[in-house]
Amino acid sequence: MKDLKGKVAVITGAASGFGRELAILCAGEGMQLVLADIDDKNLPGTVALLPPGAQSISVKCDVSKAESVDELAKQTYAKFGKAHLLFNNAGVSPVGPAWSATLADWQWTLGVNLMGVVHGIRSFVPRMLEQKDECHVVNTASVAGLISVPGSSVYCVTKHSVVTLSECLHYDLQLYKASVGVSVLCPAFVNTGIKDSDRNRPAELAGTNPLGKPFEQLMRKAVESGRISATDVARITLEGVKAGRFYILTHPKIKNSIEMRLQDILQDRVPTNMVPGPA
């Protein structure tokens, strides 16, 4: 998708982080925007940063709920008649050892990180296929979808799932000779609101990992020390969409860790830990 002007972008997780920066850049391309987030109180903050004259609607959406994403699609098509660029971007990140992760951790994270992408695909891709326009889907995974990180089992499971779901979606669309492209975004540490994602955690899923505190401190430090900004990630992502890139890796140095993991598999080695946990 080289020409984005006049087309419609749908962005989940648009109230902060990558979603907010993607909204600003898409608006700068002359796109019409559908901004979705469970954190609807901060969506006006995103709207306020859009260039003058940008067309947008804001929708409160819980991506873990199929009916909420269906409603997002209905409002998108009722307002603009089409959707061309879908960013399945909403995400959360609990931490702690695998054995002490709570069922609430699993339910919350699988619901947002994985089922949020599933629901986005189910609600929008059939409509995109009916449009017969050039469209594109960007699923936000993480380098945690390409490597495995201590203290992040729940998060890594969801992000590995998003990577393979994106690959399968790409193959399926090719089989049907569809004009819908796919990219999977795999950034490393970036200073975004994901380190505080508990702020939007449902009260009924409040049971956090009892051994998570040291990992929370480690992750916060790593995220806050990220040298690439959310704005950089959004720019690289849009460049990737225009170039038709499938894997969008925003941190080139992480490729060494990805290669190490693949070599561990191919050479029957014990996994090499490239990201040490707390002492």
C-alpha atoms as a PDB file:
ATOM      1  CA  MET A   1       0.000   0.000   0.000  1.00  0.00           C
ATOM      2  CA  LYS A   2       2.087   2.895  -1.265  1.00  0.00           C
ATOM      3  CA  ASP A   3      -0.649   5.543  -1.418  1.00  0.00           C
ATOM      4  CA  LEU A   4      -2.504   5.980   1.872  1.00  0.00           C
ATOM      5  CA  LYS A   5      -4.214   9.312   1.209  1.00  0.00           C
ATOM      6  CA  GLY A   6      -7.999   9.178   1.580  1.00  0.00           C
ATOM      7  CA  LYS A   7      -7.964   5.618   2.904  1.00  0.00           C
ATOM      8  CA  VAL A   8      -9.261   4.427   6.275  1.00  0.00           C
ATOM      9  CA  ALA A   9      -7.031   3.211   9.114  1.00  0.00           C
ATOM     10  CA  VAL A  10      -8.366   1.348  12.154  1.00  0.00           C
ATOM     11  CA  ILE A  11      -6.051   1.367  15.168  1.00  0.00           C
ATOM     12  CA  THR A  12      -6.597  -0.530  18.412  1.00  0.00           C
ATOM     13  CA  GLY A  13      -4.642   0.581  21.457  1.00  0.00           C
ATOM     14  CA  ALA A  14      -4.834   4.108  20.027  1.00  0.00           C
ATOM     15  CA  ALA A  15      -4.889   5.978  23.351  1.00  0.00           C
ATOM     16  CA  SER A  16      -1.130   5.719  23.912  1.00  0.00           C
ATOM     17  CA  GLY A  17       2.174   4.277  22.714  1.00  0.00           C
ATOM     18  CA  PHE A  18       2.471   2.845  19.225  1.00  0.00           C
ATOM     19  CA  GLY A  19      -1.241   3.312  18.585  1.00  0.00           C
ATOM     20  CA  ARG A  20      -1.131   7.041  19.279  1.00  0.00           C
ATOM     21  CA  GLU A  21       1.964   7.545  17.123  1.00  0.00           C
ATOM     22  CA  LEU A  22       0.507   5.476  14.285  1.00  0.00           C
ATOM     23  CA  ALA A  23      -2.619   7.632  14.409  1.00  0.00           C
ATOM     24  CA  ILE A  24      -0.578  10.827  14.102  1.00  0.00           C
ATOM     25  CA  LEU A  25       1.426   9.499  11.152  1.00  0.00           C
ATOM     26  CA  CYS A  26      -1.595   8.029   9.374  1.00  0.00           C
ATOM     27  CA  ALA A  27      -3.426  11.333   9.735  1.00  0.00           C
ATOM     28  CA  GLY A  28      -0.356  13.043   8.293  1.00  0.00           C
ATOM     29  CA  GLU A  29      -0.715  10.763   5.260  1.00  0.00           C
ATOM     30  CA  GLY A  30      -4.255  12.060   4.779  1.00  0.00           C
ATOM     31  CA  MET A  31      -5.980   8.949   6.086  1.00  0.00           C
ATOM     32  CA  GLN A  32      -9.334   8.837   7.879  1.00  0.00           C
ATOM     33  CA  LEU A  33      -9.015   7.267  11.301  1.00  0.00           C
ATOM     34  CA  VAL A  34     -10.926   4.955  13.599  1.00  0.00           C
ATOM     35  CA  LEU A  35      -9.274   5.162  17.016  1.00  0.00           C
ATOM     36  CA  ALA A  36     -10.114   2.350  19.429  1.00  0.00           C
ATOM     37  CA  ASP A  37      -9.058   1.650  22.991  1.00  0.00           C
ATOM     38  CA  ILE A  38     -10.514   0.345  26.225  1.00  0.00           C
ATOM     39  CA  ASP A  39      -8.914   3.447  27.761  1.00  0.00           C
ATOM     40  CA  ASP A  40     -11.406   5.833  26.176  1.00  0.00           C
ATOM     41  CA  LYS A  41     -10.502   8.596  28.649  1.00  0.00           C
ATOM     42  CA  ASN A  42      -7.164   9.058  26.890  1.00  0.00           C
ATOM     43  CA  LEU A  43      -8.427   8.803  23.305  1.00  0.00           C
ATOM     44  CA  PRO A  44      -9.148  12.574  23.199  1.00  0.00           C
ATOM     45  CA  GLY A  45      -5.449  13.092  23.912  1.00  0.00           C
ATOM     46  CA  THR A  46      -4.642  11.263  20.687  1.00  0.00           C
ATOM     47  CA  VAL A  47      -7.246  13.237  18.738  1.00  0.00           C
ATOM     48  CA  ALA A  48      -5.758  16.493  20.052  1.00  0.00           C
ATOM     49  CA  LEU A  49      -2.387  15.580  18.499  1.00  0.00           C
ATOM     50  CA  LEU A  50      -3.760  14.962  14.999  1.00  0.00           C
ATOM     51  CA  PRO A  51      -3.071  17.568  12.318  1.00  0.00           C
ATOM     52  CA  PRO A  52      -5.818  20.155  11.676  1.00  0.00           C
ATOM     53  CA  GLY A  53      -8.645  18.838   9.535  1.00  0.00           C
ATOM     54  CA  ALA A  54      -7.971  15.159  10.222  1.00  0.00           C
ATOM     55  CA  GLN A  55     -11.124  13.040  10.103  1.00  0.00           C
ATOM     56  CA  SER A  56     -11.495  10.553  12.929  1.00  0.00           C
ATOM     57  CA  ILE A  57     -13.925   8.771  15.195  1.00  0.00           C
ATOM     58  CA  SER A  58     -13.123   7.361  18.621  1.00  0.00           C
ATOM     59  CA  VAL A  59     -14.606   4.090  19.847  1.00  0.00           C
ATOM     60  CA  LYS A  60     -14.298   2.464  23.250  1.00  0.00           C
ATOM     61  CA  CYS A  61     -13.376  -1.132  22.481  1.00  0.00           C
ATOM     62  CA  ASP A  62     -12.370  -4.125  24.579  1.00  0.00           C
ATOM     63  CA  VAL A  63     -10.498  -6.232  22.020  1.00  0.00           C
ATOM     64  CA  SER A  64     -10.724  -9.307  24.249  1.00  0.00           C
ATOM     65  CA  LYS A  65     -14.482  -9.368  23.551  1.00  0.00           C
ATOM     66  CA  ALA A  66     -15.599 -10.509  20.085  1.00  0.00           C
ATOM     67  CA  GLU A  67     -18.794  -8.467  20.272  1.00  0.00           C
ATOM     68  CA  SER A  68     -16.837  -5.305  21.073  1.00  0.00           C
ATOM     69  CA  VAL A  69     -14.616  -5.696  18.007  1.00  0.00           C
ATOM     70  CA  ASP A  70     -17.661  -6.530  15.874  1.00  0.00           C
ATOM     71  CA  GLU A  71     -19.174  -3.256  17.034  1.00  0.00           C
ATOM     72  CA  LEU A  72     -15.930  -1.475  16.142  1.00  0.00           C
ATOM     73  CA  ALA A  73     -16.177  -2.856  12.607  1.00  0.00           C
ATOM     74  CA  LYS A  74     -19.839  -1.857  12.342  1.00  0.00           C
ATOM     75  CA  GLN A  75     -19.077   1.711  13.427  1.00  0.00           C
ATOM     76  CA  THR A  76     -16.128   1.882  11.028  1.00  0.00           C
ATOM     77  CA  TYR A  77     -18.189   0.861   8.012  1.00  0.00           C
ATOM     78  CA  ALA A  78     -21.182   2.952   9.072  1.00  0.00           C
ATOM     79  CA  LYS A  79     -18.974   6.064   9.204  1.00  0.00           C
ATOM     80  CA  PHE A  80     -16.515   5.563   6.363  1.00  0.00           C
ATOM     81  CA  GLY A  81     -17.897   2.671   4.291  1.00  0.00           C
ATOM     82  CA  LYS A  82     -14.522   0.920   4.127  1.00  0.00           C
ATOM     83  CA  ALA A  83     -11.402  -0.041   6.060  1.00  0.00           C
ATOM     84  CA  HIS A  84      -8.047  -0.316   4.316  1.00  0.00           C
ATOM     85  CA  LEU A  85      -5.408  -0.519   7.021  1.00  0.00           C
ATOM     86  CA  LEU A  86      -6.016  -2.432  10.257  1.00  0.00           C
ATOM     87  CA  PHE A  87      -3.583  -2.204  13.160  1.00  0.00           C
ATOM     88  CA  ASN A  88      -4.297  -4.975  15.676  1.00  0.00           C
ATOM     89  CA  ASN A  89      -2.109  -3.192  18.184  1.00  0.00           C
ATOM     90  CA  ALA A  90      -3.585  -3.367  21.706  1.00  0.00           C
ATOM     91  CA  GLY A  91      -1.371  -5.229  24.174  1.00  0.00           C
ATOM     92  CA  VAL A  92      -0.593  -5.927  27.841  1.00  0.00           C
ATOM     93  CA  SER A  93       2.422  -7.441  29.578  1.00  0.00           C
ATOM     94  CA  PRO A  94       2.359  -9.302  32.924  1.00  0.00           C
ATOM     95  CA  VAL A  95       5.646 -10.737  34.216  1.00  0.00           C
ATOM     96  CA  GLY A  96       6.929 -13.395  36.609  1.00  0.00           C
ATOM     97  CA  PRO A  97       7.982 -17.056  36.618  1.00  0.00           C
ATOM     98  CA  ALA A  98       5.899 -19.469  34.549  1.00  0.00           C
ATOM     99  CA  TRP A  99       4.904 -21.651  37.520  1.00  0.00           C
ATOM    100  CA  SER A 100       3.469 -18.781  39.549  1.00  0.00           C
ATOM    101  CA  ALA A 101       1.579 -17.056  36.733  1.00  0.00           C
ATOM    102  CA  THR A 102      -2.061 -16.864  37.782  1.00  0.00           C
ATOM    103  CA  LEU A 103      -5.021 -18.009  35.731  1.00  0.00           C
ATOM    104  CA  ALA A 104      -6.068 -14.370  35.734  1.00  0.00           C
ATOM    105  CA  ASP A 105      -2.711 -13.453  34.119  1.00  0.00           C
ATOM    106  CA  TRP A 106      -3.316 -16.022  31.395  1.00  0.00           C
ATOM    107  CA  GLN A 107      -6.927 -15.067  30.774  1.00  0.00           C
ATOM    108  CA  TRP A 108      -6.222 -11.325  30.641  1.00  0.00           C
ATOM    109  CA  THR A 109      -3.149 -11.553  28.419  1.00  0.00           C
ATOM    110  CA  LEU A 110      -4.474 -14.186  26.040  1.00  0.00           C
ATOM    111  CA  GLY A 111      -7.680 -12.177  25.761  1.00  0.00           C
ATOM    112  CA  VAL A 112      -5.975  -8.918  24.778  1.00  0.00           C
ATOM    113  CA  ASN A 113      -2.756  -9.945  23.020  1.00  0.00           C
ATOM    114  CA  LEU A 114      -3.951 -12.994  21.103  1.00  0.00           C
ATOM    115  CA  MET A 115      -7.741 -13.005  20.968  1.00  0.00           C
ATOM    116  CA  GLY A 116      -7.669  -9.261  20.278  1.00  0.00           C
ATOM    117  CA  VAL A 117      -5.828 -10.044  17.036  1.00  0.00           C
ATOM    118  CA  VAL A 118      -8.125 -12.990  16.313  1.00  0.00           C
ATOM    119  CA  HIS A 119     -11.184 -10.795  16.766  1.00  0.00           C
ATOM    120  CA  GLY A 120      -9.716  -8.071  14.576  1.00  0.00           C
ATOM    121  CA  ILE A 121      -9.086 -10.555  11.773  1.00  0.00           C
ATOM    122  CA  ARG A 122     -12.551 -12.108  12.076  1.00  0.00           C
ATOM    123  CA  SER A 123     -14.363  -8.778  12.153  1.00  0.00           C
ATOM    124  CA  PHE A 124     -12.442  -6.893   9.462  1.00  0.00           C
ATOM    125  CA  VAL A 125     -10.777  -9.245   6.960  1.00  0.00           C
ATOM    126  CA  PRO A 126     -14.036 -10.667   5.522  1.00  0.00           C
ATOM    127  CA  ARG A 127     -15.239  -7.105   4.953  1.00  0.00           C
ATOM    128  CA  MET A 128     -11.910  -6.160   3.387  1.00  0.00           C
ATOM    129  CA  LEU A 129     -12.185  -9.105   1.010  1.00  0.00           C
ATOM    130  CA  GLU A 130     -15.633  -7.947  -0.065  1.00  0.00           C
ATOM    131  CA  GLN A 131     -14.267  -4.465  -0.795  1.00  0.00           C
ATOM    132  CA  LYS A 132     -11.847  -5.860  -3.405  1.00  0.00           C
ATOM    133  CA  ASP A 133      -9.593  -2.885  -2.614  1.00  0.00           C
ATOM    134  CA  GLU A 134      -5.942  -3.042  -1.706  1.00  0.00           C
ATOM    135  CA  CYS A 135      -5.894  -3.485   2.087  1.00  0.00           C
ATOM    136  CA  HIS A 136      -3.366  -4.376   4.748  1.00  0.00           C
ATOM    137  CA  VAL A 137      -3.358  -5.874   8.256  1.00  0.00           C
ATOM    138  CA  VAL A 138      -0.584  -5.126  10.758  1.00  0.00           C
ATOM    139  CA  ASN A 139      -0.504  -7.359  13.840  1.00  0.00           C
ATOM    140  CA  THR A 140       1.627  -6.089  16.718  1.00  0.00           C
ATOM    141  CA  ALA A 141       3.675  -8.947  18.145  1.00  0.00           C
ATOM    142  CA  SER A 142       7.113  -8.360  19.676  1.00  0.00           C
ATOM    143  CA  VAL A 143      10.621  -9.743  19.518  1.00  0.00           C
ATOM    144  CA  ALA A 144       9.174 -11.824  22.381  1.00  0.00           C
ATOM    145  CA  GLY A 145       7.307 -13.593  19.569  1.00  0.00           C
ATOM    146  CA  LEU A 146      10.611 -14.618  17.975  1.00  0.00           C
ATOM    147  CA  ILE A 147      12.705 -15.391  21.066  1.00  0.00           C
ATOM    148  CA  SER A 148      11.878 -16.556  24.605  1.00  0.00           C
ATOM    149  CA  VAL A 149      12.452 -14.300  27.598  1.00  0.00           C
ATOM    150  CA  PRO A 150      12.770 -15.322  31.285  1.00  0.00           C
ATOM    151  CA  GLY A 151       9.946 -14.028  33.439  1.00  0.00           C
ATOM    152  CA  SER A 152       7.720 -13.421  30.414  1.00  0.00           C
ATOM    153  CA  SER A 153       6.151 -16.800  29.693  1.00  0.00           C
ATOM    154  CA  VAL A 154       2.565 -15.536  29.452  1.00  0.00           C
ATOM    155  CA  TYR A 155       3.545 -12.599  27.252  1.00  0.00           C
ATOM    156  CA  CYS A 156       5.836 -14.704  25.038  1.00  0.00           C
ATOM    157  CA  VAL A 157       3.167 -17.355  24.489  1.00  0.00           C
ATOM    158  CA  THR A 158       0.753 -14.722  23.197  1.00  0.00           C
ATOM    159  CA  LYS A 159       3.340 -13.011  20.995  1.00  0.00           C
ATOM    160  CA  HIS A 160       4.667 -16.253  19.476  1.00  0.00           C
ATOM    161  CA  SER A 161       1.026 -17.030  18.713  1.00  0.00           C
ATOM    162  CA  VAL A 162       0.536 -13.668  16.989  1.00  0.00           C
ATOM    163  CA  VAL A 163       3.584 -14.308  14.783  1.00  0.00           C
ATOM    164  CA  THR A 164       2.387 -17.706  13.583  1.00  0.00           C
ATOM    165  CA  LEU A 165      -1.202 -16.459  13.229  1.00  0.00           C
ATOM    166  CA  SER A 166       0.104 -13.665  11.002  1.00  0.00           C
ATOM    167  CA  GLU A 167       2.141 -16.108   8.917  1.00  0.00           C
ATOM    168  CA  CYS A 168      -0.870 -18.404   8.463  1.00  0.00           C
ATOM    169  CA  LEU A 169      -3.099 -15.447   7.579  1.00  0.00           C
ATOM    170  CA  HIS A 170      -0.544 -14.418   4.926  1.00  0.00           C
ATOM    171  CA  TYR A 171      -0.549 -17.927   3.422  1.00  0.00           C
ATOM    172  CA  ASP A 172      -4.344 -18.142   3.471  1.00  0.00           C
ATOM    173  CA  LEU A 173      -4.756 -14.795   1.734  1.00  0.00           C
ATOM    174  CA  GLN A 174      -2.225 -15.865  -0.899  1.00  0.00           C
ATOM    175  CA  LEU A 175      -4.227 -19.034  -1.582  1.00  0.00           C
ATOM    176  CA  TYR A 176      -7.292 -16.908  -2.254  1.00  0.00           C
ATOM    177  CA  LYS A 177      -5.283 -14.427  -4.362  1.00  0.00           C
ATOM    178  CA  ALA A 178      -6.599 -11.681  -2.096  1.00  0.00           C
ATOM    179  CA  SER A 179      -5.565  -8.055  -2.334  1.00  0.00           C
ATOM    180  CA  VAL A 180      -5.032  -7.947   1.449  1.00  0.00           C
ATOM    181  CA  GLY A 181      -1.454  -7.820   2.696  1.00  0.00           C
ATOM    182  CA  VAL A 182      -0.133  -8.718   6.147  1.00  0.00           C
ATOM    183  CA  SER A 183       2.724  -7.513   8.330  1.00  0.00           C
ATOM    184  CA  VAL A 184       3.763  -8.561  11.816  1.00  0.00           C
ATOM    185  CA  LEU A 185       5.418  -5.869  13.927  1.00  0.00           C
ATOM    186  CA  CYS A 186       8.139  -7.159  16.269  1.00  0.00           C
ATOM    187  CA  PRO A 187       9.720  -4.330  18.288  1.00  0.00           C
ATOM    188  CA  ALA A 188      12.073  -4.757  21.234  1.00  0.00           C
ATOM    189  CA  PHE A 189      12.089  -2.459  24.269  1.00  0.00           C
ATOM    190  CA  VAL A 190      10.379   0.894  23.660  1.00  0.00           C
ATOM    191  CA  ASN A 191       9.281   3.377  26.316  1.00  0.00           C
ATOM    192  CA  THR A 192       5.493   3.124  25.990  1.00  0.00           C
ATOM    193  CA  GLY A 193       2.574   2.701  28.361  1.00  0.00           C
ATOM    194  CA  ILE A 194       2.772  -1.109  28.227  1.00  0.00           C
ATOM    195  CA  LYS A 195       4.899  -1.105  31.397  1.00  0.00           C
ATOM    196  CA  ASP A 196       1.815   0.305  33.149  1.00  0.00           C
ATOM    197  CA  SER A 197      -0.750  -1.850  31.360  1.00  0.00           C
ATOM    198  CA  ASP A 198      -2.198  -2.982  34.700  1.00  0.00           C
ATOM    199  CA  ARG A 199      -4.045   0.347  34.766  1.00  0.00           C
ATOM    200  CA  ASN A 200      -6.596  -1.158  32.354  1.00  0.00           C
ATOM    201  CA  ARG A 201      -6.738  -4.618  33.910  1.00  0.00           C
ATOM    202  CA  PRO A 202     -10.306  -5.741  34.695  1.00  0.00           C
ATOM    203  CA  ALA A 203     -11.088  -6.044  38.388  1.00  0.00           C
ATOM    204  CA  GLU A 204     -12.283  -9.624  37.929  1.00  0.00           C
ATOM    205  CA  LEU A 205      -8.824 -10.587  36.565  1.00  0.00           C
ATOM    206  CA  ALA A 206      -6.778  -8.814  39.224  1.00  0.00           C
ATOM    207  CA  GLY A 207      -4.811 -11.833  40.507  1.00  0.00           C
ATOM    208  CA  THR A 208      -1.240 -10.958  39.508  1.00  0.00           C
ATOM    209  CA  ASN A 209       1.847 -13.191  39.653  1.00  0.00           C
ATOM    210  CA  PRO A 210       3.025 -13.217  43.324  1.00  0.00           C
ATOM    211  CA  LEU A 211       6.670 -13.535  42.216  1.00  0.00           C
ATOM    212  CA  GLY A 212       6.481 -10.840  39.576  1.00  0.00           C
ATOM    213  CA  LYS A 213       7.874  -7.808  41.421  1.00  0.00           C
ATOM    214  CA  PRO A 214      11.610  -8.272  40.587  1.00  0.00           C
ATOM    215  CA  PHE A 215      10.715  -8.843  36.931  1.00  0.00           C
ATOM    216  CA  GLU A 216       8.484  -5.757  36.909  1.00  0.00           C
ATOM    217  CA  GLN A 217      11.414  -3.636  38.059  1.00  0.00           C
ATOM    218  CA  LEU A 218      13.695  -5.206  35.457  1.00  0.00           C
ATOM    219  CA  MET A 219      11.189  -4.696  32.646  1.00  0.00           C
ATOM    220  CA  ARG A 220      10.487  -1.088  33.647  1.00  0.00           C
ATOM    221  CA  LYS A 221      14.205  -0.316  33.599  1.00  0.00           C
ATOM    222  CA  ALA A 222      14.649  -2.015  30.201  1.00  0.00           C
ATOM    223  CA  VAL A 223      11.629  -0.275  28.671  1.00  0.00           C
ATOM    224  CA  GLU A 224      12.621   3.146  29.980  1.00  0.00           C
ATOM    225  CA  SER A 225      16.146   2.718  28.596  1.00  0.00           C
ATOM    226  CA  GLY A 226      14.873   1.940  25.081  1.00  0.00           C
ATOM    227  CA  ARG A 227      16.719   4.043  22.500  1.00  0.00           C
ATOM    228  CA  ILE A 228      14.051   3.794  19.829  1.00  0.00           C
ATOM    229  CA  SER A 229      10.904   5.831  20.490  1.00  0.00           C
ATOM    230  CA  ALA A 230       7.277   4.949  19.816  1.00  0.00           C
ATOM    231  CA  THR A 231       7.390   7.582  17.057  1.00  0.00           C
ATOM    232  CA  ASP A 232      10.320   5.735  15.453  1.00  0.00           C
ATOM    233  CA  VAL A 233       8.427   2.445  15.620  1.00  0.00           C
ATOM    234  CA  ALA A 234       5.352   4.000  13.999  1.00  0.00           C
ATOM    235  CA  ARG A 235       7.463   5.497  11.206  1.00  0.00           C
ATOM    236  CA  ILE A 236       9.266   2.204  10.546  1.00  0.00           C
ATOM    237  CA  THR A 237       5.908   0.397  10.562  1.00  0.00           C
ATOM    238  CA  LEU A 238       4.345   2.679   7.956  1.00  0.00           C
ATOM    239  CA  GLU A 239       7.471   2.388   5.835  1.00  0.00           C
ATOM    240  CA  GLY A 240       7.111  -1.392   6.097  1.00  0.00           C
ATOM    241  CA  VAL A 241       3.466  -1.276   5.027  1.00  0.00           C
ATOM    242  CA  LYS A 242       4.318   0.835   1.987  1.00  0.00           C
ATOM    243  CA  ALA A 243       7.163  -1.521   1.071  1.00  0.00           C
ATOM    244  CA  GLY A 244       5.008  -4.637   1.579  1.00  0.00           C
ATOM    245  CA  ARG A 245       7.317  -6.055   4.236  1.00  0.00           C
ATOM    246  CA  PHE A 246       5.960  -8.963   6.258  1.00  0.00           C
ATOM    247  CA  TYR A 247       8.361  -9.017   9.217  1.00  0.00           C
ATOM    248  CA  ILE A 248       8.875  -5.538  10.629  1.00  0.00           C
ATOM    249  CA  LEU A 249      11.780  -5.634  13.085  1.00  0.00           C
ATOM    250  CA  THR A 250      12.483  -2.188  14.467  1.00  0.00           C
ATOM    251  CA  HIS A 251      15.623  -3.155  16.413  1.00  0.00           C
ATOM    252  CA  PRO A 252      18.145  -4.732  13.977  1.00  0.00           C
ATOM    253  CA  LYS A 253      20.555  -5.871  16.715  1.00  0.00           C
ATOM    254  CA  ILE A 254      17.952  -8.306  18.040  1.00  0.00           C
ATOM    255  CA  LYS A 255      18.450 -10.439  14.916  1.00  0.00           C
ATOM    256  CA  ASN A 256      21.511 -11.981  16.580  1.00  0.00           C
ATOM    257  CA  SER A 257      19.311 -13.345  19.363  1.00  0.00           C
ATOM    258  CA  ILE A 258      16.745 -14.626  16.874  1.00  0.00           C
ATOM    259  CA  GLU A 259      19.480 -16.403  14.916  1.00  0.00           C
ATOM    260  CA  MET A 260      20.867 -17.905  18.128  1.00  0.00           C
ATOM    261  CA  ARG A 261      17.447 -19.351  18.985  1.00  0.00           C
ATOM    262  CA  LEU A 262      17.071 -20.841  15.513  1.00  0.00           C
ATOM    263  CA  GLN A 263      20.563 -22.342  15.684  1.00  0.00           C
ATOM    264  CA  ASP A 264      19.733 -23.838  19.097  1.00  0.00           C
ATOM    265  CA  ILE A 265      16.760 -25.566  17.474  1.00  0.00           C
ATOM    266  CA  LEU A 266      18.600 -26.736  14.358  1.00  0.00           C
ATOM    267  CA  GLN A 267      21.619 -27.982  16.305  1.00  0.00           C
ATOM    268  CA  ASP A 268      19.613 -29.688  19.083  1.00  0.00           C
ATOM    269  CA  ARG A 269      21.120 -27.426  21.756  1.00  0.00           C
ATOM    270  CA  VAL A 270      19.743 -26.359  25.115  1.00  0.00           C
ATOM    271  CA  PRO A 271      18.170 -22.892  24.657  1.00  0.00           C
ATOM    272  CA  THR A 272      20.602 -20.007  25.054  1.00  0.00           C
ATOM    273  CA  ASN A 273      19.330 -17.309  27.410  1.00  0.00           C
ATOM    274  CA  MET A 274      20.007 -13.986  25.661  1.00  0.00           C
ATOM    275  CA  VAL A 275      18.036 -11.860  28.161  1.00  0.00           C
ATOM    276  CA  PRO A 276      19.088 -12.542  31.793  1.00  0.00           C
ATOM    277  CA  GLY A 277      16.447 -12.159  34.493  1.00  0.00           C
ATOM    278  CA  PRO A 278      16.898 -10.570  37.934  1.00  0.00           C
ATOM    279  CA  ALA A 279      19.716 -11.896  40.085  1.00  0.00           C
END
